[in-house]
Amino acid sequence: MLRHELQPGKLVTGTVLALAGVLYAGDAGGAWETPWFVAIPLVTGGLFLAGAVAFVTGRIRRRRASGRTTDEPGPDMAT
């Protein structure tokens, strides 16, 4: 199997949507009662969280790709 880079934003999205699916599957199976309006904040909040995670991940990867790390002073820092 080919290696690929981890994308945490997609991981968060998949987890939240799988959770919403499990909630409604349990409701359909009669295990518990899930109100219809639970999915809206769950999915909206999950997508917002996934977007924030993807943004932070992209910023970290751009910073590492440019060769700048926390151990090395940047070009704007005088030593």
PDB file of N, CA and C in Angstrom:
ATOM      1  N   MET A   1       0.838  -1.166   0.000  1.00  0.00           N
ATOM      2  CA  MET A   1       0.000   0.000   0.000  1.00  0.00           C
ATOM      3  C   MET A   1       0.892   1.241   0.000  1.00  0.00           C
ATOM      4  N   LEU A   2       0.554   2.211  -0.817  1.00  0.00           N
ATOM      5  CA  LEU A   2       1.323   3.441  -0.883  1.00  0.00           C
ATOM      6  C   LEU A   2       1.083   4.285   0.359  1.00  0.00           C
ATOM      7  N   ARG A   3       2.139   4.954   0.781  1.00  0.00           N
ATOM      8  CA  ARG A   3       2.010   5.835   1.945  1.00  0.00           C
ATOM      9  C   ARG A   3       1.424   7.161   1.502  1.00  0.00           C
ATOM     10  N   HIS A   4       0.646   7.755   2.349  1.00  0.00           N
ATOM     11  CA  HIS A   4       0.068   9.058   2.081  1.00  0.00           C
ATOM     12  C   HIS A   4       0.165   9.906   3.339  1.00  0.00           C
ATOM     13  N   GLU A   5       0.051  11.209   3.154  1.00  0.00           N
ATOM     14  CA  GLU A   5       0.154  12.069   4.317  1.00  0.00           C
ATOM     15  C   GLU A   5      -1.180  12.103   5.073  1.00  0.00           C
ATOM     16  N   LEU A   6      -1.062  12.200   6.381  1.00  0.00           N
ATOM     17  CA  LEU A   6      -2.231  12.258   7.243  1.00  0.00           C
ATOM     18  C   LEU A   6      -2.908  13.611   7.080  1.00  0.00           C
ATOM     19  N   GLN A   7      -4.232  13.606   6.959  1.00  0.00           N
ATOM     20  CA  GLN A   7      -5.013  14.834   6.869  1.00  0.00           C
ATOM     21  C   GLN A   7      -5.991  14.855   8.044  1.00  0.00           C
ATOM     22  N   PRO A   8      -5.602  15.494   9.142  1.00  0.00           N
ATOM     23  CA  PRO A   8      -6.426  15.468  10.352  1.00  0.00           C
ATOM     24  C   PRO A   8      -7.809  16.085  10.175  1.00  0.00           C
ATOM     25  N   GLY A   9      -7.961  17.064   9.301  1.00  0.00           N
ATOM     26  CA  GLY A   9      -9.266  17.670   9.066  1.00  0.00           C
ATOM     27  C   GLY A   9     -10.256  16.655   8.522  1.00  0.00           C
ATOM     28  N   LYS A  10      -9.815  15.828   7.608  1.00  0.00           N
ATOM     29  CA  LYS A  10     -10.683  14.781   7.066  1.00  0.00           C
ATOM     30  C   LYS A  10     -10.970  13.710   8.106  1.00  0.00           C
ATOM     31  N   LEU A  11     -10.012  13.451   8.972  1.00  0.00           N
ATOM     32  CA  LEU A  11     -10.221  12.489  10.056  1.00  0.00           C
ATOM     33  C   LEU A  11     -11.309  12.981  11.009  1.00  0.00           C
ATOM     34  N   VAL A  12     -11.272  14.249  11.362  1.00  0.00           N
ATOM     35  CA  VAL A  12     -12.287  14.826  12.244  1.00  0.00           C
ATOM     36  C   VAL A  12     -13.656  14.801  11.563  1.00  0.00           C
ATOM     37  N   THR A  13     -13.705  15.165  10.293  1.00  0.00           N
ATOM     38  CA  THR A  13     -14.970  15.151   9.554  1.00  0.00           C
ATOM     39  C   THR A  13     -15.564  13.750   9.520  1.00  0.00           C
ATOM     40  N   GLY A  14     -14.771  12.768   9.200  1.00  0.00           N
ATOM     41  CA  GLY A  14     -15.255  11.394   9.152  1.00  0.00           C
ATOM     42  C   GLY A  14     -15.737  10.898  10.493  1.00  0.00           C
ATOM     43  N   THR A  15     -15.030  11.258  11.548  1.00  0.00           N
ATOM     44  CA  THR A  15     -15.429  10.830  12.888  1.00  0.00           C
ATOM     45  C   THR A  15     -16.766  11.435  13.292  1.00  0.00           C
ATOM     46  N   VAL A  16     -16.942  12.724  13.027  1.00  0.00           N
ATOM     47  CA  VAL A  16     -18.193  13.398  13.396  1.00  0.00           C
ATOM     48  C   VAL A  16     -19.364  12.855  12.584  1.00  0.00           C
ATOM     49  N   LEU A  17     -19.174  12.653  11.289  1.00  0.00           N
ATOM     50  CA  LEU A  17     -20.260  12.125  10.465  1.00  0.00           C
ATOM     51  C   LEU A  17     -20.579  10.673  10.822  1.00  0.00           C
ATOM     52  N   ALA A  18     -19.566   9.900  11.191  1.00  0.00           N
ATOM     53  CA  ALA A  18     -19.817   8.533  11.643  1.00  0.00           C
ATOM     54  C   ALA A  18     -20.583   8.539  12.964  1.00  0.00           C
ATOM     55  N   LEU A  19     -20.263   9.463  13.856  1.00  0.00           N
ATOM     56  CA  LEU A  19     -20.989   9.590  15.111  1.00  0.00           C
ATOM     57  C   LEU A  19     -22.451   9.933  14.862  1.00  0.00           C
ATOM     58  N   ALA A  20     -22.708  10.867  13.941  1.00  0.00           N
ATOM     59  CA  ALA A  20     -24.092  11.214  13.597  1.00  0.00           C
ATOM     60  C   ALA A  20     -24.817   9.998  13.024  1.00  0.00           C
ATOM     61  N   GLY A  21     -24.137   9.215  12.211  1.00  0.00           N
ATOM     62  CA  GLY A  21     -24.738   8.007  11.660  1.00  0.00           C
ATOM     63  C   GLY A  21     -25.053   6.978  12.734  1.00  0.00           C
ATOM     64  N   VAL A  22     -24.156   6.816  13.705  1.00  0.00           N
ATOM     65  CA  VAL A  22     -24.380   5.875  14.811  1.00  0.00           C
ATOM     66  C   VAL A  22     -25.560   6.326  15.665  1.00  0.00           C
ATOM     67  N   LEU A  23     -25.662   7.632  15.911  1.00  0.00           N
ATOM     68  CA  LEU A  23     -26.791   8.141  16.695  1.00  0.00           C
ATOM     69  C   LEU A  23     -28.124   7.808  16.026  1.00  0.00           C
ATOM     70  N   TYR A  24     -28.213   8.046  14.724  1.00  0.00           N
ATOM     71  CA  TYR A  24     -29.468   7.789  14.036  1.00  0.00           C
ATOM     72  C   TYR A  24     -29.689   6.303  13.782  1.00  0.00           C
ATOM     73  N   ALA A  25     -28.640   5.518  13.669  1.00  0.00           N
ATOM     74  CA  ALA A  25     -28.808   4.070  13.545  1.00  0.00           C
ATOM     75  C   ALA A  25     -29.347   3.490  14.854  1.00  0.00           C
ATOM     76  N   GLY A  26     -28.867   3.988  15.974  1.00  0.00           N
ATOM     77  CA  GLY A  26     -29.389   3.549  17.265  1.00  0.00           C
ATOM     78  C   GLY A  26     -30.837   3.964  17.458  1.00  0.00           C
ATOM     79  N   ASP A  27     -31.170   5.141  16.944  1.00  0.00           N
ATOM     80  CA  ASP A  27     -32.550   5.595  17.012  1.00  0.00           C
ATOM     81  C   ASP A  27     -33.453   4.734  16.126  1.00  0.00           C
ATOM     82  N   ALA A  28     -32.975   4.421  14.948  1.00  0.00           N
ATOM     83  CA  ALA A  28     -33.770   3.596  14.035  1.00  0.00           C
ATOM     84  C   ALA A  28     -33.920   2.170  14.554  1.00  0.00           C
ATOM     85  N   GLY A  29     -32.910   1.676  15.251  1.00  0.00           N
ATOM     86  CA  GLY A  29     -32.962   0.326  15.810  1.00  0.00           C
ATOM     87  C   GLY A  29     -33.741   0.237  17.106  1.00  0.00           C
ATOM     88  N   GLY A  30     -34.132   1.366  17.659  1.00  0.00           N
ATOM     89  CA  GLY A  30     -34.909   1.367  18.889  1.00  0.00           C
ATOM     90  C   GLY A  30     -34.074   1.313  20.149  1.00  0.00           C
ATOM     91  N   ALA A  31     -32.761   1.468  20.035  1.00  0.00           N
ATOM     92  CA  ALA A  31     -31.904   1.421  21.223  1.00  0.00           C
ATOM     93  C   ALA A  31     -32.067   2.673  22.083  1.00  0.00           C
ATOM     94  N   TRP A  32     -32.284   3.819  21.451  1.00  0.00           N
ATOM     95  CA  TRP A  32     -32.497   5.074  22.170  1.00  0.00           C
ATOM     96  C   TRP A  32     -33.272   6.027  21.280  1.00  0.00           C
ATOM     97  N   GLU A  33     -33.657   7.147  21.842  1.00  0.00           N
ATOM     98  CA  GLU A  33     -34.432   8.154  21.118  1.00  0.00           C
ATOM     99  C   GLU A  33     -33.524   9.354  20.831  1.00  0.00           C
ATOM    100  N   THR A  34     -33.345   9.688  19.564  1.00  0.00           N
ATOM    101  CA  THR A  34     -32.528  10.826  19.176  1.00  0.00           C
ATOM    102  C   THR A  34     -33.425  11.863  18.501  1.00  0.00           C
ATOM    103  N   PRO A  35     -33.520  13.077  19.047  1.00  0.00           N
ATOM    104  CA  PRO A  35     -34.330  14.110  18.396  1.00  0.00           C
ATOM    105  C   PRO A  35     -33.747  14.483  17.033  1.00  0.00           C
ATOM    106  N   TRP A  36     -34.582  14.911  16.123  1.00  0.00           N
ATOM    107  CA  TRP A  36     -34.128  15.202  14.770  1.00  0.00           C
ATOM    108  C   TRP A  36     -33.156  16.371  14.731  1.00  0.00           C
ATOM    109  N   PHE A  37     -33.272  17.308  15.665  1.00  0.00           N
ATOM    110  CA  PHE A  37     -32.447  18.518  15.629  1.00  0.00           C
ATOM    111  C   PHE A  37     -31.046  18.322  16.205  1.00  0.00           C
ATOM    112  N   VAL A  38     -30.702  17.136  16.635  1.00  0.00           N
ATOM    113  CA  VAL A  38     -29.363  16.882  17.176  1.00  0.00           C
ATOM    114  C   VAL A  38     -28.311  16.918  16.073  1.00  0.00           C
ATOM    115  N   ALA A  39     -28.667  16.484  14.887  1.00  0.00           N
ATOM    116  CA  ALA A  39     -27.692  16.387  13.799  1.00  0.00           C
ATOM    117  C   ALA A  39     -27.188  17.744  13.333  1.00  0.00           C
ATOM    118  N   ILE A  40     -28.023  18.766  13.376  1.00  0.00           N
ATOM    119  CA  ILE A  40     -27.621  20.079  12.851  1.00  0.00           C
ATOM    120  C   ILE A  40     -26.435  20.663  13.625  1.00  0.00           C
ATOM    121  N   PRO A  41     -26.510  20.816  14.943  1.00  0.00           N
ATOM    122  CA  PRO A  41     -25.329  21.353  15.650  1.00  0.00           C
ATOM    123  C   PRO A  41     -24.143  20.392  15.648  1.00  0.00           C
ATOM    124  N   LEU A  42     -24.418  19.091  15.664  1.00  0.00           N
ATOM    125  CA  LEU A  42     -23.330  18.109  15.656  1.00  0.00           C
ATOM    126  C   LEU A  42     -22.526  18.204  14.366  1.00  0.00           C
ATOM    127  N   VAL A  43     -23.213  18.182  13.238  1.00  0.00           N
ATOM    128  CA  VAL A  43     -22.520  18.228  11.947  1.00  0.00           C
ATOM    129  C   VAL A  43     -21.908  19.606  11.708  1.00  0.00           C
ATOM    130  N   THR A  44     -22.629  20.667  12.033  1.00  0.00           N
ATOM    131  CA  THR A  44     -22.096  22.024  11.839  1.00  0.00           C
ATOM    132  C   THR A  44     -20.858  22.255  12.709  1.00  0.00           C
ATOM    133  N   GLY A  45     -20.947  21.878  13.971  1.00  0.00           N
ATOM    134  CA  GLY A  45     -19.786  22.028  14.857  1.00  0.00           C
ATOM    135  C   GLY A  45     -18.622  21.162  14.425  1.00  0.00           C
ATOM    136  N   GLY A  46     -18.918  19.960  13.966  1.00  0.00           N
ATOM    137  CA  GLY A  46     -17.857  19.070  13.492  1.00  0.00           C
ATOM    138  C   GLY A  46     -17.167  19.603  12.255  1.00  0.00           C
ATOM    139  N   LEU A  47     -17.948  20.169  11.327  1.00  0.00           N
ATOM    140  CA  LEU A  47     -17.340  20.746  10.123  1.00  0.00           C
ATOM    141  C   LEU A  47     -16.522  21.987  10.457  1.00  0.00           C
ATOM    142  N   PHE A  48     -17.000  22.790  11.396  1.00  0.00           N
ATOM    143  CA  PHE A  48     -16.221  23.956  11.832  1.00  0.00           C
ATOM    144  C   PHE A  48     -14.913  23.514  12.473  1.00  0.00           C
ATOM    145  N   LEU A  49     -14.986  22.515  13.349  1.00  0.00           N
ATOM    146  CA  LEU A  49     -13.780  21.997  13.997  1.00  0.00           C
ATOM    147  C   LEU A  49     -12.810  21.407  12.969  1.00  0.00           C
ATOM    148  N   ALA A  50     -13.338  20.680  11.991  1.00  0.00           N
ATOM    149  CA  ALA A  50     -12.487  20.102  10.948  1.00  0.00           C
ATOM    150  C   ALA A  50     -11.814  21.185  10.124  1.00  0.00           C
ATOM    151  N   GLY A  51     -12.538  22.255   9.834  1.00  0.00           N
ATOM    152  CA  GLY A  51     -11.934  23.370   9.105  1.00  0.00           C
ATOM    153  C   GLY A  51     -10.820  24.034   9.888  1.00  0.00           C
ATOM    154  N   ALA A  52     -11.032  24.205  11.181  1.00  0.00           N
ATOM    155  CA  ALA A  52      -9.999  24.806  12.024  1.00  0.00           C
ATOM    156  C   ALA A  52      -8.769  23.901  12.102  1.00  0.00           C
ATOM    157  N   VAL A  53      -8.988  22.601  12.234  1.00  0.00           N
ATOM    158  CA  VAL A  53      -7.873  21.653  12.291  1.00  0.00           C
ATOM    159  C   VAL A  53      -7.109  21.648  10.971  1.00  0.00           C
ATOM    160  N   ALA A  54      -7.829  21.673   9.850  1.00  0.00           N
ATOM    161  CA  ALA A  54      -7.181  21.696   8.542  1.00  0.00           C
ATOM    162  C   ALA A  54      -6.384  22.985   8.346  1.00  0.00           C
ATOM    163  N   PHE A  55      -6.912  24.107   8.820  1.00  0.00           N
ATOM    164  CA  PHE A  55      -6.204  25.379   8.706  1.00  0.00           C
ATOM    165  C   PHE A  55      -4.903  25.348   9.498  1.00  0.00           C
ATOM    166  N   VAL A  56      -4.975  24.879  10.737  1.00  0.00           N
ATOM    167  CA  VAL A  56      -3.773  24.809  11.583  1.00  0.00           C
ATOM    168  C   VAL A  56      -2.760  23.837  10.989  1.00  0.00           C
ATOM    169  N   THR A  57      -3.231  22.708  10.488  1.00  0.00           N
ATOM    170  CA  THR A  57      -2.332  21.724   9.881  1.00  0.00           C
ATOM    171  C   THR A  57      -1.627  22.315   8.660  1.00  0.00           C
ATOM    172  N   GLY A  58      -2.371  23.033   7.839  1.00  0.00           N
ATOM    173  CA  GLY A  58      -1.769  23.665   6.662  1.00  0.00           C
ATOM    174  C   GLY A  58      -0.725  24.694   7.023  1.00  0.00           C
ATOM    175  N   ARG A  59      -1.004  25.493   8.060  1.00  0.00           N
ATOM    176  CA  ARG A  59      -0.026  26.493   8.504  1.00  0.00           C
ATOM    177  C   ARG A  59       1.248  25.828   9.030  1.00  0.00           C
ATOM    178  N   ILE A  60       1.090  24.736   9.770  1.00  0.00           N
ATOM    179  CA  ILE A  60       2.257  24.030  10.303  1.00  0.00           C
ATOM    180  C   ILE A  60       3.081  23.437   9.167  1.00  0.00           C
ATOM    181  N   ARG A  61       2.414  22.837   8.192  1.00  0.00           N
ATOM    182  CA  ARG A  61       3.142  22.230   7.072  1.00  0.00           C
ATOM    183  C   ARG A  61       3.843  23.276   6.219  1.00  0.00           C
ATOM    184  N   ARG A  62       3.213  24.434   6.010  1.00  0.00           N
ATOM    185  CA  ARG A  62       3.875  25.498   5.247  1.00  0.00           C
ATOM    186  C   ARG A  62       5.092  26.013   5.982  1.00  0.00           C
ATOM    187  N   ARG A  63       4.983  26.115   7.299  1.00  0.00           N
ATOM    188  CA  ARG A  63       6.113  26.612   8.082  1.00  0.00           C
ATOM    189  C   ARG A  63       7.276  25.627   8.037  1.00  0.00           C
ATOM    190  N   ARG A  64       6.972  24.332   8.136  1.00  0.00           N
ATOM    191  CA  ARG A  64       8.037  23.337   8.071  1.00  0.00           C
ATOM    192  C   ARG A  64       8.635  23.233   6.678  1.00  0.00           C
ATOM    193  N   ALA A  65       7.832  23.408   5.648  1.00  0.00           N
ATOM    194  CA  ALA A  65       8.331  23.315   4.274  1.00  0.00           C
ATOM    195  C   ALA A  65       9.266  24.474   3.945  1.00  0.00           C
ATOM    196  N   SER A  66       9.045  25.610   4.575  1.00  0.00           N
ATOM    197  CA  SER A  66       9.907  26.754   4.305  1.00  0.00           C
ATOM    198  C   SER A  66      11.251  26.632   5.015  1.00  0.00           C
ATOM    199  N   GLY A  67      11.402  25.619   5.870  1.00  0.00           N
ATOM    200  CA  GLY A  67      12.672  25.401   6.546  1.00  0.00           C
ATOM    201  C   GLY A  67      12.810  26.131   7.852  1.00  0.00           C
ATOM    202  N   ARG A  68      11.787  26.829   8.252  1.00  0.00           N
ATOM    203  CA  ARG A  68      11.844  27.589   9.487  1.00  0.00           C
ATOM    204  C   ARG A  68      11.286  26.742  10.616  1.00  0.00           C
ATOM    205  N   THR A  69      12.064  26.536  11.652  1.00  0.00           N
ATOM    206  CA  THR A  69      11.620  25.786  12.824  1.00  0.00           C
ATOM    207  C   THR A  69      11.766  26.662  14.053  1.00  0.00           C
ATOM    208  N   THR A  70      11.324  26.180  15.174  1.00  0.00           N
ATOM    209  CA  THR A  70      11.414  26.961  16.413  1.00  0.00           C
ATOM    210  C   THR A  70      12.833  27.029  16.939  1.00  0.00           C
ATOM    211  N   ASP A  71      13.723  26.102  16.525  1.00  0.00           N
ATOM    212  CA  ASP A  71      15.105  26.097  16.997  1.00  0.00           C
ATOM    213  C   ASP A  71      15.959  27.131  16.268  1.00  0.00           C
ATOM    214  N   GLU A  72      15.592  27.464  15.056  1.00  0.00           N
ATOM    215  CA  GLU A  72      16.366  28.402  14.258  1.00  0.00           C
ATOM    216  C   GLU A  72      15.709  29.775  14.273  1.00  0.00           C
ATOM    217  N   PRO A  73      16.481  30.834  14.436  1.00  0.00           N
ATOM    218  CA  PRO A  73      15.892  32.174  14.383  1.00  0.00           C
ATOM    219  C   PRO A  73      15.480  32.500  12.941  1.00  0.00           C
ATOM    220  N   GLY A  74      14.390  33.190  12.809  1.00  0.00           N
ATOM    221  CA  GLY A  74      13.895  33.580  11.491  1.00  0.00           C
ATOM    222  C   GLY A  74      14.683  34.737  10.930  1.00  0.00           C
ATOM    223  N   PRO A  75      14.443  35.095   9.651  1.00  0.00           N
ATOM    224  CA  PRO A  75      15.180  36.202   9.040  1.00  0.00           C
ATOM    225  C   PRO A  75      14.863  37.542   9.674  1.00  0.00           C
ATOM    226  N   ASP A  76      13.733  37.666  10.336  1.00  0.00           N
ATOM    227  CA  ASP A  76      13.366  38.944  10.930  1.00  0.00           C
ATOM    228  C   ASP A  76      13.905  39.109  12.349  1.00  0.00           C
ATOM    229  N   MET A  77      14.546  38.076  12.875  1.00  0.00           N
ATOM    230  CA  MET A  77      15.081  38.139  14.241  1.00  0.00           C
ATOM    231  C   MET A  77      16.565  38.472  14.197  1.00  0.00           C
ATOM    232  N   ALA A  78      16.938  39.541  14.857  1.00  0.00           N
ATOM    233  CA  ALA A  78      18.341  39.938  14.923  1.00  0.00           C
ATOM    234  C   ALA A  78      19.023  39.206  16.073  1.00  0.00           C
ATOM    235  N   THR A  79      20.232  38.703  15.797  1.00  0.00           N
ATOM    236  CA  THR A  79      20.970  37.996  16.845  1.00  0.00           C
ATOM    237  C   THR A  79      22.208  38.730  17.232  1.00  0.00           C
TER     238      THR A  79
END
